[in-house]
Protein backbone atom coordinates (compact mmCIF):
# COMPACT_ATOMS: atom_id res chain seq x y z
CA MET A 1 110.06 -39.67 -21.56
CA GLU A 2 107.14 -37.26 -21.17
CA LEU A 3 105.29 -37.45 -17.88
CA THR A 4 101.56 -38.07 -18.00
CA ILE A 5 99.49 -35.65 -15.96
CA SER A 6 96.61 -37.12 -13.96
CA GLN A 7 93.07 -36.68 -15.23
CA ARG A 8 92.13 -34.75 -12.10
CA MET A 9 94.76 -32.09 -12.86
CA ALA A 10 95.10 -32.17 -16.64
CA ALA A 11 92.22 -29.79 -17.28
CA MET A 12 92.98 -27.48 -14.36
CA GLN A 13 94.21 -23.98 -15.18
CA PRO A 14 96.16 -21.54 -13.01
CA SER A 15 94.07 -19.09 -11.00
CA ALA A 16 93.42 -16.07 -13.19
CA ILE A 17 93.85 -13.85 -10.15
CA ARG A 18 97.23 -15.38 -9.28
CA GLU A 19 98.33 -14.90 -12.86
CA ILE A 20 97.29 -11.25 -12.70
CA PHE A 21 99.37 -10.87 -9.52
CA LYS A 22 102.49 -11.63 -11.55
CA ASN A 23 101.91 -8.48 -13.57
CA MET A 24 101.12 -6.25 -10.60
CA ALA A 25 104.69 -5.57 -9.48
CA ASP A 26 104.55 -2.38 -11.54
CA PRO A 27 103.70 0.35 -8.97
CA SER A 28 101.87 2.33 -11.66
CA ILE A 29 99.20 -0.38 -11.91
CA VAL A 30 96.13 0.12 -9.69
CA PRO A 31 95.50 -3.27 -7.99
CA PHE A 32 91.73 -3.77 -8.10
CA ALA A 33 92.21 -7.43 -9.11
CA GLY A 34 93.41 -9.08 -5.92
CA GLY A 35 91.89 -9.79 -2.55
CA ASN A 36 94.70 -8.76 -0.23
CA PRO A 37 94.15 -6.97 3.06
CA SER A 38 95.36 -3.40 3.19
CA PRO A 39 99.05 -3.04 4.13
CA GLU A 40 97.75 -0.58 6.74
CA ALA A 41 95.84 -3.41 8.41
CA PHE A 42 98.82 -5.48 9.52
CA PRO A 43 99.58 -5.22 13.28
CA VAL A 44 103.32 -5.26 12.60
CA LYS A 45 104.58 -3.99 15.96
CA GLU A 46 102.43 -6.44 17.92
CA LEU A 47 103.55 -9.36 15.74
CA GLN A 48 107.20 -8.32 16.04
CA ASN A 49 106.93 -8.27 19.82
CA ILE A 50 105.08 -11.60 19.97
CA SER A 51 107.64 -13.25 17.67
CA ARG A 52 110.51 -12.00 19.83
CA ILE A 53 108.89 -13.36 22.99
CA VAL A 54 108.19 -16.72 21.34
CA PHE A 55 111.81 -17.20 20.35
CA GLU A 56 113.04 -16.05 23.74
CA ASN A 57 110.70 -18.22 25.80
CA ASN A 58 109.48 -21.13 23.69
CA PRO A 59 111.71 -21.67 20.63
CA VAL A 60 111.71 -25.49 20.60
CA THR A 61 107.90 -25.78 20.57
CA ALA A 62 107.70 -23.25 17.76
CA LEU A 63 110.28 -25.08 15.63
CA GLN A 64 109.29 -28.69 16.32
CA TYR A 65 106.65 -30.97 14.81
CA SER A 66 103.22 -30.77 16.42
CA VAL A 67 99.82 -32.48 16.39
CA THR A 68 97.74 -32.39 13.22
CA GLU A 69 94.62 -31.06 14.95
CA GLY A 70 96.48 -27.85 15.78
CA TYR A 71 98.41 -26.19 18.59
CA PRO A 72 96.17 -26.96 21.60
CA GLN A 73 96.22 -23.44 23.05
CA LEU A 74 95.29 -21.96 19.66
CA ARG A 75 92.46 -24.41 19.20
CA GLU A 76 90.96 -23.23 22.48
CA ALA A 77 91.66 -19.54 21.77
CA ALA A 78 90.21 -19.77 18.26
CA LYS A 79 87.11 -21.54 19.53
CA GLN A 80 86.58 -18.87 22.20
CA PHE A 81 87.13 -16.10 19.65
CA ALA A 82 84.69 -17.64 17.15
CA ASN A 83 82.00 -18.22 19.77
CA GLY A 84 82.53 -14.73 21.13
CA ARG A 85 81.86 -13.26 17.70
CA GLU A 86 79.11 -15.79 16.89
CA PRO A 87 77.41 -16.87 20.13
CA GLY A 88 76.22 -20.46 19.90
CA LEU A 89 78.50 -21.32 16.99
CA SER A 90 79.77 -24.55 18.57
CA HIS A 91 77.32 -27.26 19.47
CA PRO A 92 77.67 -30.43 21.56
CA GLY A 93 79.62 -32.92 19.50
CA ASP A 94 81.52 -30.24 17.56
CA GLY A 95 85.29 -29.89 17.50
CA ILE A 96 87.87 -27.62 15.89
CA ILE A 97 90.87 -28.14 13.61
CA ILE A 98 93.53 -25.59 12.72
CA THR A 99 94.28 -25.50 8.99
CA SER A 100 96.68 -23.78 6.60
CA GLY A 101 94.24 -20.99 5.88
CA ALA A 102 90.53 -21.44 5.28
CA GLN A 103 91.44 -22.59 1.78
CA GLN A 104 92.75 -25.86 3.21
CA ALA A 105 89.69 -26.28 5.43
CA ILE A 106 87.50 -25.98 2.32
CA ASP A 107 89.63 -28.49 0.44
CA LEU A 108 89.68 -31.02 3.28
CA ALA A 109 85.95 -30.79 3.89
CA ALA A 110 85.17 -31.36 0.22
CA LYS A 111 87.49 -34.38 0.09
CA CYS A 112 85.85 -35.89 3.15
CA LEU A 113 82.22 -35.22 2.19
CA THR A 114 82.10 -35.99 -1.54
CA ASP A 115 83.02 -38.77 -3.92
CA GLU A 116 83.92 -38.51 -7.60
CA GLY A 117 80.74 -37.88 -9.58
CA ASP A 118 78.86 -36.24 -6.70
CA THR A 119 77.50 -32.71 -6.99
CA ILE A 120 78.57 -29.68 -4.98
CA LEU A 121 76.06 -26.84 -5.02
CA CYS A 122 77.51 -23.34 -4.84
CA GLU A 123 76.62 -19.72 -5.38
CA ASP A 124 76.93 -18.49 -8.95
CA PRO A 125 79.32 -16.64 -8.96
CA SER A 126 81.54 -17.94 -6.14
CA PHE A 127 85.09 -17.96 -4.75
CA ILE A 128 87.51 -19.25 -7.38
CA GLY A 129 89.79 -20.91 -4.81
CA ALA A 130 86.95 -23.10 -3.57
CA LEU A 131 85.68 -23.88 -7.07
CA ASN A 132 89.12 -25.09 -8.15
CA ALA A 133 89.50 -27.18 -5.00
CA PHE A 134 86.18 -28.83 -5.78
CA ARG A 135 87.17 -29.44 -9.39
CA THR A 136 90.19 -31.47 -8.27
CA CYS A 137 87.71 -33.77 -6.46
CA ARG A 138 86.18 -34.46 -9.89
CA VAL A 139 82.69 -33.51 -8.77
CA HIS A 140 79.96 -31.75 -10.70
CA LEU A 141 79.47 -28.08 -9.81
CA ALA A 142 75.89 -26.78 -9.87
CA GLY A 143 75.64 -23.01 -9.60
CA VAL A 144 72.73 -21.25 -7.91
CA PRO A 145 72.00 -17.59 -8.75
CA VAL A 146 72.86 -14.90 -6.20
CA GLU A 147 70.24 -12.26 -5.51
CA ALA A 148 70.47 -8.94 -3.69
CA ASP A 149 69.88 -10.73 -0.35
CA GLY A 150 71.96 -13.80 -1.12
CA ILE A 151 71.48 -17.16 -2.77
CA SER A 152 68.17 -17.80 -4.54
CA LEU A 153 66.03 -20.18 -2.47
CA GLN A 154 64.02 -21.29 -5.48
CA GLY A 155 67.23 -21.76 -7.43
CA LEU A 156 68.70 -23.82 -4.58
CA GLU A 157 65.65 -26.07 -4.36
CA ASP A 158 65.62 -26.52 -8.14
CA ALA A 159 69.33 -27.40 -8.12
CA ILE A 160 68.87 -29.97 -5.35
CA LYS A 161 66.01 -31.63 -7.23
CA ALA A 162 67.94 -31.60 -10.50
CA ASN A 163 71.01 -33.20 -8.90
CA PRO A 164 70.18 -36.38 -6.98
CA ARG A 165 73.86 -36.75 -6.03
CA ALA A 166 74.05 -33.30 -4.42
CA LYS A 167 76.08 -33.84 -1.26
CA LEU A 168 77.27 -30.40 -0.26
CA LEU A 169 76.33 -26.72 -0.46
CA TYR A 170 79.26 -24.29 -0.39
CA ILE A 171 78.17 -20.81 0.64
CA ILE A 172 79.73 -17.48 1.74
CA PRO A 173 76.94 -15.73 3.69
CA ASN A 174 78.78 -12.52 4.64
CA PHE A 175 79.94 -10.00 2.01
CA GLN A 176 80.20 -12.78 -0.52
CA ASN A 177 83.25 -13.13 -2.73
CA PRO A 178 82.93 -11.90 -5.45
CA THR A 179 79.57 -10.07 -5.27
CA GLY A 180 79.83 -8.46 -1.82
CA VAL A 181 76.20 -9.33 -0.96
CA THR A 182 75.05 -10.67 2.41
CA LEU A 183 72.64 -13.56 2.93
CA SER A 184 69.61 -12.33 4.87
CA ARG A 185 68.65 -13.74 8.27
CA GLU A 186 65.45 -15.24 6.84
CA LYS A 187 67.28 -16.94 4.01
CA ARG A 188 69.87 -18.43 6.36
CA GLN A 189 67.18 -20.33 8.22
CA ALA A 190 65.51 -21.33 4.94
CA VAL A 191 68.81 -22.54 3.44
CA TYR A 192 69.50 -24.63 6.53
CA ASP A 193 66.00 -26.12 6.55
CA LEU A 194 66.13 -26.89 2.84
CA CYS A 195 69.50 -28.64 3.05
CA LEU A 196 68.49 -30.58 6.15
CA ARG A 197 65.30 -31.77 4.47
CA HIS A 198 67.20 -33.04 1.42
CA GLY A 199 70.25 -34.46 3.21
CA VAL A 200 72.75 -31.91 1.87
CA ALA A 201 75.66 -30.85 4.10
CA ILE A 202 76.61 -27.17 4.30
CA LEU A 203 80.13 -25.78 4.04
CA GLU A 204 79.88 -22.24 5.46
CA ASP A 205 82.85 -20.04 4.57
CA ASN A 206 83.13 -16.86 6.63
CA PRO A 207 86.46 -15.13 5.89
CA TYR A 208 85.04 -11.59 6.00
CA GLY A 209 82.48 -11.81 8.81
CA ASP A 210 84.61 -9.84 11.28
CA LEU A 211 84.91 -6.96 8.81
CA ARG A 212 81.34 -5.65 8.87
CA PHE A 213 81.47 -1.85 8.67
CA SER A 214 77.76 -1.05 8.18
CA GLY A 215 74.40 -2.68 8.81
CA SER A 216 73.60 -5.19 11.54
CA HIS A 217 75.23 -8.49 12.42
CA VAL A 218 73.48 -11.58 11.06
CA PRO A 219 74.17 -14.86 12.92
CA ALA A 220 76.06 -17.59 11.10
CA ILE A 221 74.20 -20.55 9.61
CA LYS A 222 76.27 -22.74 11.94
CA THR A 223 74.47 -21.22 14.94
CA LEU A 224 71.27 -22.84 13.62
CA ASP A 225 72.87 -26.26 13.27
CA THR A 226 71.01 -28.53 15.69
CA GLN A 227 71.50 -31.63 13.51
CA GLY A 228 75.24 -31.53 12.76
CA ILE A 229 75.19 -30.79 9.01
CA VAL A 230 77.30 -27.60 8.91
CA CYS A 231 81.07 -27.27 8.64
CA TYR A 232 82.09 -23.69 9.48
CA CYS A 233 85.35 -22.27 8.09
CA GLY A 234 87.07 -19.25 9.60
CA THR A 235 90.44 -17.60 9.09
CA PHE A 236 92.89 -15.14 10.60
CA SER A 237 94.15 -14.15 7.15
CA LYS A 238 91.89 -11.11 6.84
CA ILE A 239 92.22 -9.84 10.42
CA ILE A 240 95.83 -10.66 11.38
CA SER A 241 97.91 -11.77 8.38
CA PRO A 242 97.34 -13.92 5.28
CA GLY A 243 101.04 -14.78 5.18
CA LEU A 244 100.78 -16.69 8.47
CA ARG A 245 98.37 -19.12 6.73
CA VAL A 246 96.22 -19.93 9.75
CA GLY A 247 92.56 -20.87 9.44
CA TYR A 248 90.20 -23.22 11.23
CA ALA A 249 87.10 -25.34 10.86
CA ILE A 250 84.40 -26.00 13.46
CA ALA A 251 82.31 -29.05 12.63
CA PRO A 252 80.93 -32.31 13.99
CA GLN A 253 83.81 -34.32 15.43
CA ALA A 254 83.16 -37.31 13.14
CA LEU A 255 83.91 -35.10 10.12
CA LEU A 256 86.92 -33.48 11.79
CA ASP A 257 88.41 -36.89 12.52
CA LYS A 258 88.53 -37.61 8.80
CA MET A 259 89.76 -34.10 7.99
CA VAL A 260 92.67 -34.76 10.37
CA VAL A 261 93.59 -37.87 8.40
CA ALA A 262 93.34 -35.97 5.12
CA LYS A 263 95.52 -33.17 6.52
CA GLN A 264 98.14 -35.66 7.66
CA CYS A 265 98.43 -36.71 4.02
CA SER A 266 98.74 -33.09 2.92
CA ASP A 267 101.02 -31.13 5.24
CA VAL A 268 101.11 -33.02 8.58
CA HIS A 269 100.20 -29.85 10.49
CA THR A 270 99.90 -26.10 10.07
CA THR A 271 103.12 -24.18 10.74
CA VAL A 272 103.56 -24.18 14.51
CA LEU A 273 105.26 -20.78 14.68
CA SER A 274 102.33 -19.18 12.87
CA GLN A 275 99.89 -20.91 15.20
CA ILE A 276 101.68 -19.71 18.33
CA ILE A 277 101.85 -16.15 17.00
CA CYS A 278 98.12 -16.17 16.26
CA CYS A 279 97.39 -17.67 19.66
CA GLN A 280 99.42 -15.03 21.49
CA PHE A 281 97.77 -12.28 19.45
CA LEU A 282 94.30 -13.51 20.37
CA GLN A 283 95.23 -13.84 24.04
CA SER A 284 97.24 -10.67 24.58
CA CYS A 285 95.90 -8.05 22.16
CA ASN A 286 92.74 -5.96 22.27
CA MET A 287 90.85 -7.80 19.57
CA ALA A 288 87.75 -5.63 19.81
CA GLY A 289 89.85 -2.50 19.32
CA HIS A 290 91.87 -4.11 16.53
CA LEU A 291 88.75 -5.17 14.64
CA SER A 292 87.21 -1.74 15.12
CA THR A 293 90.30 -0.20 13.53
CA LEU A 294 90.05 -2.57 10.55
CA GLN A 295 86.35 -1.89 10.12
CA LYS A 296 86.95 1.86 10.10
CA LEU A 297 89.76 1.44 7.56
CA TYR A 298 87.66 -0.63 5.15
CA ARG A 299 84.57 1.51 5.63
CA GLY A 300 86.56 4.48 4.36
CA LYS A 301 88.00 2.59 1.41
CA CYS A 302 84.64 1.16 0.37
CA SER A 303 82.94 4.55 0.64
CA LEU A 304 85.65 6.11 -1.50
CA MET A 305 85.22 3.47 -4.20
CA VAL A 306 81.42 3.70 -4.15
CA GLN A 307 81.62 7.48 -4.39
CA GLY A 308 83.94 7.16 -7.39
CA MET A 309 81.70 4.56 -9.03
CA ARG A 310 78.68 6.84 -8.73
CA GLN A 311 80.63 9.68 -10.28
CA HIS A 312 82.56 7.91 -13.04
CA MET A 313 80.87 4.50 -13.57
CA ALA A 314 77.18 5.46 -13.46
CA LYS A 315 76.59 3.55 -16.70
CA ALA A 316 77.31 0.30 -14.85
CA GLU A 317 75.43 -1.39 -12.01
CA PHE A 318 77.30 -2.29 -8.84
CA THR A 319 76.75 -3.64 -5.34
CA VAL A 320 77.34 -1.59 -2.19
CA PRO A 321 78.65 -4.09 0.39
CA GLU A 322 78.23 -3.80 4.14
CA GLY A 323 81.66 -5.29 4.77
CA GLY A 324 84.44 -7.38 3.31
CA PHE A 325 86.74 -6.50 0.41
CA PHE A 326 84.76 -6.48 -2.85
CA LEU A 327 82.06 -4.98 -4.96
CA TRP A 328 80.58 -6.48 -8.13
CA CYS A 329 80.29 -4.31 -11.20
CA VAL A 330 77.90 -5.37 -13.98
CA LEU A 331 78.81 -3.68 -17.25
CA PRO A 332 76.25 -2.52 -19.82
CA LYS A 333 75.19 -5.36 -22.13
CA ALA A 334 76.87 -3.70 -25.12
CA VAL A 335 80.30 -4.01 -23.47
CA ASP A 336 82.50 -7.06 -24.11
CA PRO A 337 83.79 -7.80 -20.59
CA MET A 338 87.09 -9.34 -21.74
CA ALA A 339 87.73 -6.36 -24.01
CA PHE A 340 86.95 -4.09 -21.05
CA VAL A 341 89.42 -5.98 -18.82
CA LYS A 342 92.10 -5.70 -21.50
CA ALA A 343 91.46 -1.99 -22.01
CA ALA A 344 91.55 -1.46 -18.24
CA GLY A 345 94.92 -3.16 -18.13
CA GLU A 346 96.20 -0.86 -20.84
CA ALA A 347 94.99 2.02 -18.67
CA LYS A 348 97.07 0.55 -15.82
CA VAL A 349 94.12 -0.78 -13.82
CA ALA A 350 94.00 -4.49 -12.99
CA VAL A 351 90.49 -5.97 -12.66
CA VAL A 352 89.21 -9.54 -12.73
CA PRO A 353 86.59 -10.68 -15.26
CA GLY A 354 83.47 -12.04 -13.62
CA SER A 355 83.67 -15.25 -15.66
CA THR A 356 86.58 -16.27 -13.43
CA PHE A 357 84.12 -16.90 -10.60
CA LEU A 358 81.53 -18.99 -12.43
CA PRO A 359 80.97 -22.68 -11.66
CA ASP A 360 80.41 -23.11 -15.41
CA GLU A 361 83.48 -21.49 -16.89
CA THR A 362 81.86 -21.35 -20.35
CA ALA A 363 78.80 -19.35 -19.24
CA PRO A 364 78.51 -15.69 -20.28
CA CYS A 365 79.18 -12.99 -17.69
CA THR A 366 79.16 -9.21 -18.14
CA ALA A 367 80.63 -8.34 -14.74
CA VAL A 368 84.01 -7.58 -13.21
CA ARG A 369 85.09 -7.80 -9.58
CA LEU A 370 86.69 -4.78 -7.92
CA ASN A 371 88.73 -4.93 -4.72
CA PHE A 372 88.89 -1.88 -2.45
CA SER A 373 90.91 -3.31 0.46
CA ALA A 374 94.40 -3.45 -1.04
CA PRO A 375 94.73 -0.19 -3.05
CA SER A 376 95.64 3.07 -1.35
CA ASN A 377 93.00 5.78 -1.21
CA GLN A 378 94.77 7.66 -3.98
CA GLN A 379 94.87 4.51 -6.12
CA ILE A 380 91.13 3.99 -5.58
CA THR A 381 90.39 7.54 -6.69
CA ASN A 382 92.68 7.39 -9.71
CA GLY A 383 91.71 3.85 -10.65
CA ILE A 384 87.96 4.41 -10.72
CA GLU A 385 88.43 7.59 -12.73
CA ARG A 386 90.50 5.62 -15.27
CA LEU A 387 87.90 2.85 -15.40
CA GLY A 388 85.22 5.45 -16.05
CA LYS A 389 87.12 6.71 -19.06
CA VAL A 390 87.58 3.13 -20.30
CA LEU A 391 83.84 2.50 -19.95
CA ASP A 392 83.01 5.75 -21.72
CA ALA A 393 85.06 4.57 -24.68
CA PHE A 394 82.80 1.51 -24.97
CA VAL A 395 79.48 3.23 -24.27
CA ARG A 396 79.20 6.72 -25.72
């Protein structure tokens, strides 16, 4: 007997980025395709020491079942950390839930805020992990163009008016994945006001906000949320370890109550050991110094890639991010982006086609996303030089 796959999953395809990862074990391949933190960023010694102390002093708690909402001490530590970085982030009536990475927070929020047939508005392009999570909810995705200072306000208003069942806006305000752009302060207020006026909730995803290495801090949209319409997602994947799979959401308690129920159906609770390790790291380590080290590391890597792009990829247009992990490279119109990606692979450079990040997977896209966080400095230098030669072969 052949099993019948559900309609919600039948049309789903594996993440193109995850598929590329399978071919990146070859050390000769320059890994511009992923979104991993730098191996240099992991606080290995601190985590080794914390893990040892946990198993010496509190092994049963770390190995036992726990509450779905999250390890209580971590919930408090994460809330203090988030409010310390974003003063005024939590409002009266808000709570916090610990999730298995921000990816799960995004998934749970979408499940709790939308019904089949509703519309989720999102930046175009946007984070593939979120787009795929939304697709499993069987909603309609309406993309809104991204400009140099973030999402288009006119495009957002047009999308809201064109989609009466628009329930949710998913947005990455800081160093957006995949474009690297940052939503301006003025647009943040305008986005909030527009969504409030039309009854659209906001799912604010901020995985890279702590990794600003140039420019000035811009307050989160959640800090503006006087009416309880914003669900804020944060993560420790980019600043401590993605392998621990610890994220969180700060949102009105009524929404969190339903997210708790949804999480109980999914994984019961986030791994307790990972939660305790994160909690101890937040409480015992110099977070300001740690983040400063990460910012310096990624500032250097980004500068190296931008310098290489200006030297070898001048025929293309590209963003210069103020933080995060990515820059967005728009190829000349004469270049077939999929042919470019294939040729780059043959030159031992892995890049992701921009079409991967589109809400409408059939729409044309002449861009590729480049990651500067994971490759070594030598790989960045060599990889951009190789990409320049590939581009030159297309545009003489």
